[in-house]
Amino acid sequence: MIKNSLYFSSFLFLSMSFLHAQSNLLESVKKNPKNAIEICSKFKDLNKKGISASSDEAVNFVSKRNNLSPINAEILSIYVIGIHCPNVI
């Protein structure tokens, strides 16, 4: 019983941390449109070369530029595309 409570507590904590991180990423897009527009510009350049904004190259660019893990870079990319450049693929 105690073991199950410990697992549940750990899961709950990790879930809350993940949701908080996602919220911070969304807020960063809203508060720093210049960065988002620069990311959009890179995505558009990649699209011209036939490379998707969800490609490893694009995610690595966002990851390095914003000092994020690949997963958080992918989430940030989704927010940037949704808010600032919905015509990017």
PDB file of N, CA and C in Angstrom:
ATOM      1  N   MET A   1       0.821  -1.194   0.000  1.00  0.00           N
ATOM      2  CA  MET A   1       0.000   0.000   0.000  1.00  0.00           C
ATOM      3  C   MET A   1       0.870   1.266   0.000  1.00  0.00           C
ATOM      4  N   ILE A   2       1.877   1.288   0.867  1.00  0.00           N
ATOM      5  CA  ILE A   2       2.768   2.446   0.936  1.00  0.00           C
ATOM      6  C   ILE A   2       3.560   2.574  -0.365  1.00  0.00           C
ATOM      7  N   LYS A   3       3.966   1.429  -0.916  1.00  0.00           N
ATOM      8  CA  LYS A   3       4.720   1.429  -2.166  1.00  0.00           C
ATOM      9  C   LYS A   3       3.880   2.034  -3.296  1.00  0.00           C
ATOM     10  N   ASN A   4       2.605   1.668  -3.373  1.00  0.00           N
ATOM     11  CA  ASN A   4       1.712   2.220  -4.394  1.00  0.00           C
ATOM     12  C   ASN A   4       1.523   3.721  -4.209  1.00  0.00           C
ATOM     13  N   SER A   5       1.422   4.171  -2.962  1.00  0.00           N
ATOM     14  CA  SER A   5       1.274   5.601  -2.690  1.00  0.00           C
ATOM     15  C   SER A   5       2.515   6.367  -3.128  1.00  0.00           C
ATOM     16  N   LEU A   6       3.679   5.758  -2.908  1.00  0.00           N
ATOM     17  CA  LEU A   6       4.922   6.394  -3.331  1.00  0.00           C
ATOM     18  C   LEU A   6       4.987   6.513  -4.851  1.00  0.00           C
ATOM     19  N   TYR A   7       4.608   5.462  -5.556  1.00  0.00           N
ATOM     20  CA  TYR A   7       4.582   5.512  -7.022  1.00  0.00           C
ATOM     21  C   TYR A   7       3.599   6.566  -7.516  1.00  0.00           C
ATOM     22  N   PHE A   8       2.426   6.597  -6.918  1.00  0.00           N
ATOM     23  CA  PHE A   8       1.407   7.563  -7.327  1.00  0.00           C
ATOM     24  C   PHE A   8       1.892   8.984  -7.083  1.00  0.00           C
ATOM     25  N   SER A   9       2.500   9.229  -5.921  1.00  0.00           N
ATOM     26  CA  SER A   9       3.010  10.563  -5.599  1.00  0.00           C
ATOM     27  C   SER A   9       4.097  10.988  -6.581  1.00  0.00           C
ATOM     28  N   SER A  10       4.982  10.063  -6.912  1.00  0.00           N
ATOM     29  CA  SER A  10       6.047  10.362  -7.873  1.00  0.00           C
ATOM     30  C   SER A  10       5.472  10.679  -9.241  1.00  0.00           C
ATOM     31  N   PHE A  11       4.491   9.878  -9.665  1.00  0.00           N
ATOM     32  CA  PHE A  11       3.843  10.106 -10.951  1.00  0.00           C
ATOM     33  C   PHE A  11       3.156  11.462 -10.975  1.00  0.00           C
ATOM     34  N   LEU A  12       2.454  11.788  -9.911  1.00  0.00           N
ATOM     35  CA  LEU A  12       1.743  13.059  -9.830  1.00  0.00           C
ATOM     36  C   LEU A  12       2.718  14.231  -9.890  1.00  0.00           C
ATOM     37  N   PHE A  13       3.821  14.123  -9.169  1.00  0.00           N
ATOM     38  CA  PHE A  13       4.827  15.180  -9.173  1.00  0.00           C
ATOM     39  C   PHE A  13       5.418  15.376 -10.561  1.00  0.00           C
ATOM     40  N   LEU A  14       5.790  14.289 -11.212  1.00  0.00           N
ATOM     41  CA  LEU A  14       6.373  14.376 -12.551  1.00  0.00           C
ATOM     42  C   LEU A  14       5.380  14.946 -13.554  1.00  0.00           C
ATOM     43  N   SER A  15       4.125  14.552 -13.426  1.00  0.00           N
ATOM     44  CA  SER A  15       3.090  15.077 -14.332  1.00  0.00           C
ATOM     45  C   SER A  15       2.919  16.573 -14.158  1.00  0.00           C
ATOM     46  N   MET A  16       2.901  17.020 -12.918  1.00  0.00           N
ATOM     47  CA  MET A  16       2.732  18.451 -12.652  1.00  0.00           C
ATOM     48  C   MET A  16       3.944  19.234 -13.166  1.00  0.00           C
ATOM     49  N   SER A  17       5.133  18.682 -12.997  1.00  0.00           N
ATOM     50  CA  SER A  17       6.344  19.345 -13.493  1.00  0.00           C
ATOM     51  C   SER A  17       6.308  19.477 -15.008  1.00  0.00           C
ATOM     52  N   PHE A  18       5.858  18.422 -15.700  1.00  0.00           N
ATOM     53  CA  PHE A  18       5.764  18.436 -17.151  1.00  0.00           C
ATOM     54  C   PHE A  18       4.764  19.493 -17.616  1.00  0.00           C
ATOM     55  N   LEU A  19       3.609  19.563 -16.967  1.00  0.00           N
ATOM     56  CA  LEU A  19       2.592  20.548 -17.343  1.00  0.00           C
ATOM     57  C   LEU A  19       3.089  21.967 -17.096  1.00  0.00           C
ATOM     58  N   HIS A  20       3.804  22.163 -16.009  1.00  0.00           N
ATOM     59  CA  HIS A  20       4.355  23.491 -15.712  1.00  0.00           C
ATOM     60  C   HIS A  20       5.376  23.892 -16.775  1.00  0.00           C
ATOM     61  N   ALA A  21       6.209  22.953 -17.189  1.00  0.00           N
ATOM     62  CA  ALA A  21       7.208  23.230 -18.230  1.00  0.00           C
ATOM     63  C   ALA A  21       6.527  23.615 -19.535  1.00  0.00           C
ATOM     64  N   GLN A  22       5.452  22.900 -19.895  1.00  0.00           N
ATOM     65  CA  GLN A  22       4.727  23.233 -21.125  1.00  0.00           C
ATOM     66  C   GLN A  22       4.138  24.636 -21.037  1.00  0.00           C
ATOM     67  N   SER A  23       3.590  24.985 -19.889  1.00  0.00           N
ATOM     68  CA  SER A  23       3.020  26.309 -19.697  1.00  0.00           C
ATOM     69  C   SER A  23       4.093  27.385 -19.850  1.00  0.00           C
ATOM     70  N   ASN A  24       5.286  27.133 -19.308  1.00  0.00           N
ATOM     71  CA  ASN A  24       6.378  28.093 -19.441  1.00  0.00           C
ATOM     72  C   ASN A  24       6.803  28.263 -20.895  1.00  0.00           C
ATOM     73  N   LEU A  25       6.803  27.173 -21.653  1.00  0.00           N
ATOM     74  CA  LEU A  25       7.158  27.265 -23.068  1.00  0.00           C
ATOM     75  C   LEU A  25       6.151  28.111 -23.828  1.00  0.00           C
ATOM     76  N   LEU A  26       4.879  27.909 -23.560  1.00  0.00           N
ATOM     77  CA  LEU A  26       3.834  28.700 -24.221  1.00  0.00           C
ATOM     78  C   LEU A  26       3.984  30.174 -23.858  1.00  0.00           C
ATOM     79  N   GLU A  27       4.229  30.453 -22.597  1.00  0.00           N
ATOM     80  CA  GLU A  27       4.406  31.838 -22.173  1.00  0.00           C
ATOM     81  C   GLU A  27       5.627  32.470 -22.828  1.00  0.00           C
ATOM     82  N   SER A  28       6.685  31.692 -23.024  1.00  0.00           N
ATOM     83  CA  SER A  28       7.884  32.244 -23.664  1.00  0.00           C
ATOM     84  C   SER A  28       7.590  32.659 -25.101  1.00  0.00           C
ATOM     85  N   VAL A  29       6.733  31.911 -25.783  1.00  0.00           N
ATOM     86  CA  VAL A  29       6.349  32.269 -27.159  1.00  0.00           C
ATOM     87  C   VAL A  29       5.526  33.554 -27.155  1.00  0.00           C
ATOM     88  N   LYS A  30       4.628  33.674 -26.199  1.00  0.00           N
ATOM     89  CA  LYS A  30       3.776  34.859 -26.126  1.00  0.00           C
ATOM     90  C   LYS A  30       4.571  36.109 -25.743  1.00  0.00           C
ATOM     91  N   LYS A  31       5.542  35.950 -24.841  1.00  0.00           N
ATOM     92  CA  LYS A  31       6.279  37.100 -24.331  1.00  0.00           C
ATOM     93  C   LYS A  31       7.470  37.502 -25.194  1.00  0.00           C
ATOM     94  N   ASN A  32       7.911  36.610 -26.066  1.00  0.00           N
ATOM     95  CA  ASN A  32       9.082  36.906 -26.885  1.00  0.00           C
ATOM     96  C   ASN A  32       8.784  36.621 -28.356  1.00  0.00           C
ATOM     97  N   PRO A  33       7.921  37.430 -28.961  1.00  0.00           N
ATOM     98  CA  PRO A  33       7.554  37.176 -30.352  1.00  0.00           C
ATOM     99  C   PRO A  33       8.725  37.304 -31.323  1.00  0.00           C
ATOM    100  N   LYS A  34       9.737  38.108 -30.974  1.00  0.00           N
ATOM    101  CA  LYS A  34      10.889  38.248 -31.860  1.00  0.00           C
ATOM    102  C   LYS A  34      11.597  36.902 -32.043  1.00  0.00           C
ATOM    103  N   ASN A  35      11.807  36.185 -30.968  1.00  0.00           N
ATOM    104  CA  ASN A  35      12.425  34.857 -31.044  1.00  0.00           C
ATOM    105  C   ASN A  35      11.556  33.917 -31.868  1.00  0.00           C
ATOM    106  N   ALA A  36      10.252  33.953 -31.630  1.00  0.00           N
ATOM    107  CA  ALA A  36       9.332  33.081 -32.360  1.00  0.00           C
ATOM    108  C   ALA A  36       9.353  33.383 -33.857  1.00  0.00           C
ATOM    109  N   ILE A  37       9.399  34.646 -34.210  1.00  0.00           N
ATOM    110  CA  ILE A  37       9.420  35.036 -35.623  1.00  0.00           C
ATOM    111  C   ILE A  37      10.735  34.595 -36.272  1.00  0.00           C
ATOM    112  N   GLU A  38      11.836  34.668 -35.541  1.00  0.00           N
ATOM    113  CA  GLU A  38      13.119  34.193 -36.066  1.00  0.00           C
ATOM    114  C   GLU A  38      13.092  32.673 -36.274  1.00  0.00           C
ATOM    115  N   ILE A  39      12.449  31.972 -35.360  1.00  0.00           N
ATOM    116  CA  ILE A  39      12.301  30.523 -35.523  1.00  0.00           C
ATOM    117  C   ILE A  39      11.434  30.237 -36.755  1.00  0.00           C
ATOM    118  N   CYS A  40      10.355  30.997 -36.927  1.00  0.00           N
ATOM    119  CA  CYS A  40       9.498  30.844 -38.111  1.00  0.00           C
ATOM    120  C   CYS A  40      10.297  31.048 -39.390  1.00  0.00           C
ATOM    121  N   SER A  41      11.148  32.036 -39.369  1.00  0.00           N
ATOM    122  CA  SER A  41      11.970  32.320 -40.547  1.00  0.00           C
ATOM    123  C   SER A  41      12.848  31.113 -40.886  1.00  0.00           C
ATOM    124  N   LYS A  42      13.451  30.506 -39.876  1.00  0.00           N
ATOM    125  CA  LYS A  42      14.267  29.311 -40.089  1.00  0.00           C
ATOM    126  C   LYS A  42      13.411  28.177 -40.643  1.00  0.00           C
ATOM    127  N   PHE A  43      12.210  27.999 -40.080  1.00  0.00           N
ATOM    128  CA  PHE A  43      11.312  26.949 -40.564  1.00  0.00           C
ATOM    129  C   PHE A  43      10.945  27.175 -42.035  1.00  0.00           C
ATOM    130  N   LYS A  44      10.696  28.419 -42.397  1.00  0.00           N
ATOM    131  CA  LYS A  44      10.359  28.737 -43.791  1.00  0.00           C
ATOM    132  C   LYS A  44      11.528  28.423 -44.717  1.00  0.00           C
ATOM    133  N   ASP A  45      12.737  28.760 -44.267  1.00  0.00           N
ATOM    134  CA  ASP A  45      13.927  28.428 -45.061  1.00  0.00           C
ATOM    135  C   ASP A  45      14.064  26.916 -45.227  1.00  0.00           C
ATOM    136  N   LEU A  46      13.820  26.182 -44.158  1.00  0.00           N
ATOM    137  CA  LEU A  46      13.885  24.720 -44.239  1.00  0.00           C
ATOM    138  C   LEU A  46      12.815  24.176 -45.184  1.00  0.00           C
ATOM    139  N   ASN A  47      11.606  24.748 -45.100  1.00  0.00           N
ATOM    140  CA  ASN A  47      10.522  24.309 -45.983  1.00  0.00           C
ATOM    141  C   ASN A  47      10.890  24.511 -47.449  1.00  0.00           C
ATOM    142  N   LYS A  48      11.573  25.611 -47.764  1.00  0.00           N
ATOM    143  CA  LYS A  48      11.993  25.864 -49.144  1.00  0.00           C
ATOM    144  C   LYS A  48      12.942  24.785 -49.653  1.00  0.00           C
ATOM    145  N   LYS A  49      13.663  24.161 -48.714  1.00  0.00           N
ATOM    146  CA  LYS A  49      14.589  23.079 -49.064  1.00  0.00           C
ATOM    147  C   LYS A  49      13.922  21.710 -48.990  1.00  0.00           C
ATOM    148  N   GLY A  50      12.600  21.715 -48.714  1.00  0.00           N
ATOM    149  CA  GLY A  50      11.871  20.458 -48.621  1.00  0.00           C
ATOM    150  C   GLY A  50      11.996  19.776 -47.267  1.00  0.00           C
ATOM    151  N   ILE A  51      12.415  20.522 -46.256  1.00  0.00           N
ATOM    152  CA  ILE A  51      12.609  19.972 -44.911  1.00  0.00           C
ATOM    153  C   ILE A  51      11.488  20.465 -44.003  1.00  0.00           C
ATOM    154  N   SER A  52      10.879  19.537 -43.294  1.00  0.00           N
ATOM    155  CA  SER A  52       9.755  19.840 -42.415  1.00  0.00           C
ATOM    156  C   SER A  52      10.210  20.551 -41.141  1.00  0.00           C
ATOM    157  N   ALA A  53       9.319  21.351 -40.578  1.00  0.00           N
ATOM    158  CA  ALA A  53       9.588  22.021 -39.312  1.00  0.00           C
ATOM    159  C   ALA A  53       9.633  21.037 -38.148  1.00  0.00           C
ATOM    160  N   SER A  54       9.172  19.825 -38.372  1.00  0.00           N
ATOM    161  CA  SER A  54       9.230  18.805 -37.321  1.00  0.00           C
ATOM    162  C   SER A  54      10.407  17.849 -37.522  1.00  0.00           C
ATOM    163  N   SER A  55      11.263  18.165 -38.488  1.00  0.00           N
ATOM    164  CA  SER A  55      12.428  17.315 -38.755  1.00  0.00           C
ATOM    165  C   SER A  55      13.440  17.417 -37.613  1.00  0.00           C
ATOM    166  N   ASP A  56      14.350  16.468 -37.577  1.00  0.00           N
ATOM    167  CA  ASP A  56      15.417  16.505 -36.574  1.00  0.00           C
ATOM    168  C   ASP A  56      16.240  17.781 -36.697  1.00  0.00           C
ATOM    169  N   GLU A  57      16.492  18.214 -37.924  1.00  0.00           N
ATOM    170  CA  GLU A  57      17.278  19.435 -38.140  1.00  0.00           C
ATOM    171  C   GLU A  57      16.590  20.645 -37.510  1.00  0.00           C
ATOM    172  N   ALA A  58      15.279  20.760 -37.712  1.00  0.00           N
ATOM    173  CA  ALA A  58      14.533  21.888 -37.161  1.00  0.00           C
ATOM    174  C   ALA A  58      14.473  21.821 -35.635  1.00  0.00           C
ATOM    175  N   VAL A  59      14.211  20.638 -35.110  1.00  0.00           N
ATOM    176  CA  VAL A  59      14.135  20.470 -33.649  1.00  0.00           C
ATOM    177  C   VAL A  59      15.492  20.750 -33.012  1.00  0.00           C
ATOM    178  N   ASN A  60      16.563  20.295 -33.641  1.00  0.00           N
ATOM    179  CA  ASN A  60      17.905  20.571 -33.118  1.00  0.00           C
ATOM    180  C   ASN A  60      18.212  22.067 -33.120  1.00  0.00           C
ATOM    181  N   PHE A  61      17.774  22.761 -34.164  1.00  0.00           N
ATOM    182  CA  PHE A  61      17.960  24.209 -34.227  1.00  0.00           C
ATOM    183  C   PHE A  61      17.271  24.885 -33.044  1.00  0.00           C
ATOM    184  N   VAL A  62      16.015  24.545 -32.812  1.00  0.00           N
ATOM    185  CA  VAL A  62      15.246  25.150 -31.715  1.00  0.00           C
ATOM    186  C   VAL A  62      15.855  24.763 -30.369  1.00  0.00           C
ATOM    187  N   SER A  63      16.258  23.520 -30.255  1.00  0.00           N
ATOM    188  CA  SER A  63      16.857  23.027 -29.015  1.00  0.00           C
ATOM    189  C   SER A  63      18.118  23.801 -28.658  1.00  0.00           C
ATOM    190  N   LYS A  64      19.023  23.948 -29.617  1.00  0.00           N
ATOM    191  CA  LYS A  64      20.284  24.648 -29.368  1.00  0.00           C
ATOM    192  C   LYS A  64      20.063  26.143 -29.151  1.00  0.00           C
ATOM    193  N   ARG A  65      19.190  26.719 -29.941  1.00  0.00           N
ATOM    194  CA  ARG A  65      18.933  28.157 -29.861  1.00  0.00           C
ATOM    195  C   ARG A  65      18.338  28.557 -28.513  1.00  0.00           C
ATOM    196  N   ASN A  66      17.513  27.676 -27.960  1.00  0.00           N
ATOM    197  CA  ASN A  66      16.798  28.004 -26.727  1.00  0.00           C
ATOM    198  C   ASN A  66      17.253  27.183 -25.523  1.00  0.00           C
ATOM    199  N   ASN A  67      18.333  26.419 -25.717  1.00  0.00           N
ATOM    200  CA  ASN A  67      18.883  25.596 -24.637  1.00  0.00           C
ATOM    201  C   ASN A  67      17.806  24.687 -24.026  1.00  0.00           C
ATOM    202  N   LEU A  68      17.144  23.912 -24.887  1.00  0.00           N
ATOM    203  CA  LEU A  68      16.052  23.032 -24.471  1.00  0.00           C
ATOM    204  C   LEU A  68      16.370  21.587 -24.819  1.00  0.00           C
ATOM    205  N   SER A  69      15.702  20.694 -24.132  1.00  0.00           N
ATOM    206  CA  SER A  69      15.776  19.283 -24.501  1.00  0.00           C
ATOM    207  C   SER A  69      15.052  19.118 -25.840  1.00  0.00           C
ATOM    208  N   PRO A  70      15.328  18.059 -26.565  1.00  0.00           N
ATOM    209  CA  PRO A  70      14.630  17.849 -27.839  1.00  0.00           C
ATOM    210  C   PRO A  70      13.103  17.800 -27.689  1.00  0.00           C
ATOM    211  N   ILE A  71      12.621  17.202 -26.621  1.00  0.00           N
ATOM    212  CA  ILE A  71      11.163  17.126 -26.410  1.00  0.00           C
ATOM    213  C   ILE A  71      10.589  18.523 -26.200  1.00  0.00           C
ATOM    214  N   ASN A  72      11.228  19.322 -25.352  1.00  0.00           N
ATOM    215  CA  ASN A  72      10.734  20.681 -25.128  1.00  0.00           C
ATOM    216  C   ASN A  72      10.901  21.553 -26.367  1.00  0.00           C
ATOM    217  N   ALA A  73      11.942  21.307 -27.141  1.00  0.00           N
ATOM    218  CA  ALA A  73      12.116  22.047 -28.391  1.00  0.00           C
ATOM    219  C   ALA A  73      10.989  21.725 -29.365  1.00  0.00           C
ATOM    220  N   GLU A  74      10.580  20.475 -29.402  1.00  0.00           N
ATOM    221  CA  GLU A  74       9.474  20.092 -30.274  1.00  0.00           C
ATOM    222  C   GLU A  74       8.172  20.745 -29.820  1.00  0.00           C
ATOM    223  N   ILE A  75       7.942  20.788 -28.521  1.00  0.00           N
ATOM    224  CA  ILE A  75       6.744  21.444 -27.983  1.00  0.00           C
ATOM    225  C   ILE A  75       6.777  22.932 -28.308  1.00  0.00           C
ATOM    226  N   LEU A  76       7.927  23.568 -28.092  1.00  0.00           N
ATOM    227  CA  LEU A  76       8.058  24.991 -28.410  1.00  0.00           C
ATOM    228  C   LEU A  76       7.800  25.236 -29.894  1.00  0.00           C
ATOM    229  N   SER A  77       8.313  24.366 -30.743  1.00  0.00           N
ATOM    230  CA  SER A  77       8.095  24.500 -32.190  1.00  0.00           C
ATOM    231  C   SER A  77       6.615  24.463 -32.529  1.00  0.00           C
ATOM    232  N   ILE A  78       5.896  23.571 -31.904  1.00  0.00           N
ATOM    233  CA  ILE A  78       4.450  23.463 -32.141  1.00  0.00           C
ATOM    234  C   ILE A  78       3.750  24.755 -31.752  1.00  0.00           C
ATOM    235  N   TYR A  79       4.115  25.316 -30.600  1.00  0.00           N
ATOM    236  CA  TYR A  79       3.519  26.584 -30.164  1.00  0.00           C
ATOM    237  C   TYR A  79       3.862  27.714 -31.125  1.00  0.00           C
ATOM    238  N   VAL A  80       5.129  27.788 -31.536  1.00  0.00           N
ATOM    239  CA  VAL A  80       5.566  28.848 -32.458  1.00  0.00           C
ATOM    240  C   VAL A  80       4.798  28.756 -33.771  1.00  0.00           C
ATOM    241  N   ILE A  81       4.699  27.564 -34.312  1.00  0.00           N
ATOM    242  CA  ILE A  81       3.982  27.379 -35.581  1.00  0.00           C
ATOM    243  C   ILE A  81       2.511  27.755 -35.417  1.00  0.00           C
ATOM    244  N   GLY A  82       1.906  27.301 -34.348  1.00  0.00           N
ATOM    245  CA  GLY A  82       0.488  27.576 -34.118  1.00  0.00           C
ATOM    246  C   GLY A  82       0.174  29.047 -33.951  1.00  0.00           C
ATOM    247  N   ILE A  83       1.064  29.778 -33.324  1.00  0.00           N
ATOM    248  CA  ILE A  83       0.794  31.185 -33.024  1.00  0.00           C
ATOM    249  C   ILE A  83       1.329  32.133 -34.099  1.00  0.00           C
ATOM    250  N   HIS A  84       2.507  31.840 -34.639  1.00  0.00           N
ATOM    251  CA  HIS A  84       3.179  32.811 -35.511  1.00  0.00           C
ATOM    252  C   HIS A  84       3.327  32.412 -36.971  1.00  0.00           C
ATOM    253  N   CYS A  85       3.312  31.130 -37.271  1.00  0.00           N
ATOM    254  CA  CYS A  85       3.517  30.750 -38.679  1.00  0.00           C
ATOM    255  C   CYS A  85       2.749  29.458 -39.010  1.00  0.00           C
ATOM    256  N   PRO A  86       1.419  29.547 -39.019  1.00  0.00           N
ATOM    257  CA  PRO A  86       0.609  28.348 -39.242  1.00  0.00           C
ATOM    258  C   PRO A  86       0.749  27.742 -40.647  1.00  0.00           C
ATOM    259  N   ASN A  87       1.314  28.489 -41.602  1.00  0.00           N
ATOM    260  CA  ASN A  87       1.455  27.950 -42.966  1.00  0.00           C
ATOM    261  C   ASN A  87       2.734  27.136 -43.152  1.00  0.00           C
ATOM    262  N   VAL A  88       3.542  27.019 -42.101  1.00  0.00           N
ATOM    263  CA  VAL A  88       4.757  26.219 -42.158  1.00  0.00           C
ATOM    264  C   VAL A  88       4.395  24.754 -41.993  1.00  0.00           C
ATOM    265  N   ILE A  89       5.097  23.911 -42.747  1.00  0.00           N
ATOM    266  CA  ILE A  89       4.829  22.473 -42.607  1.00  0.00           C
ATOM    267  C   ILE A  89       6.005  21.759 -41.963  1.00  0.00           C
TER     268      ILE A  89
END
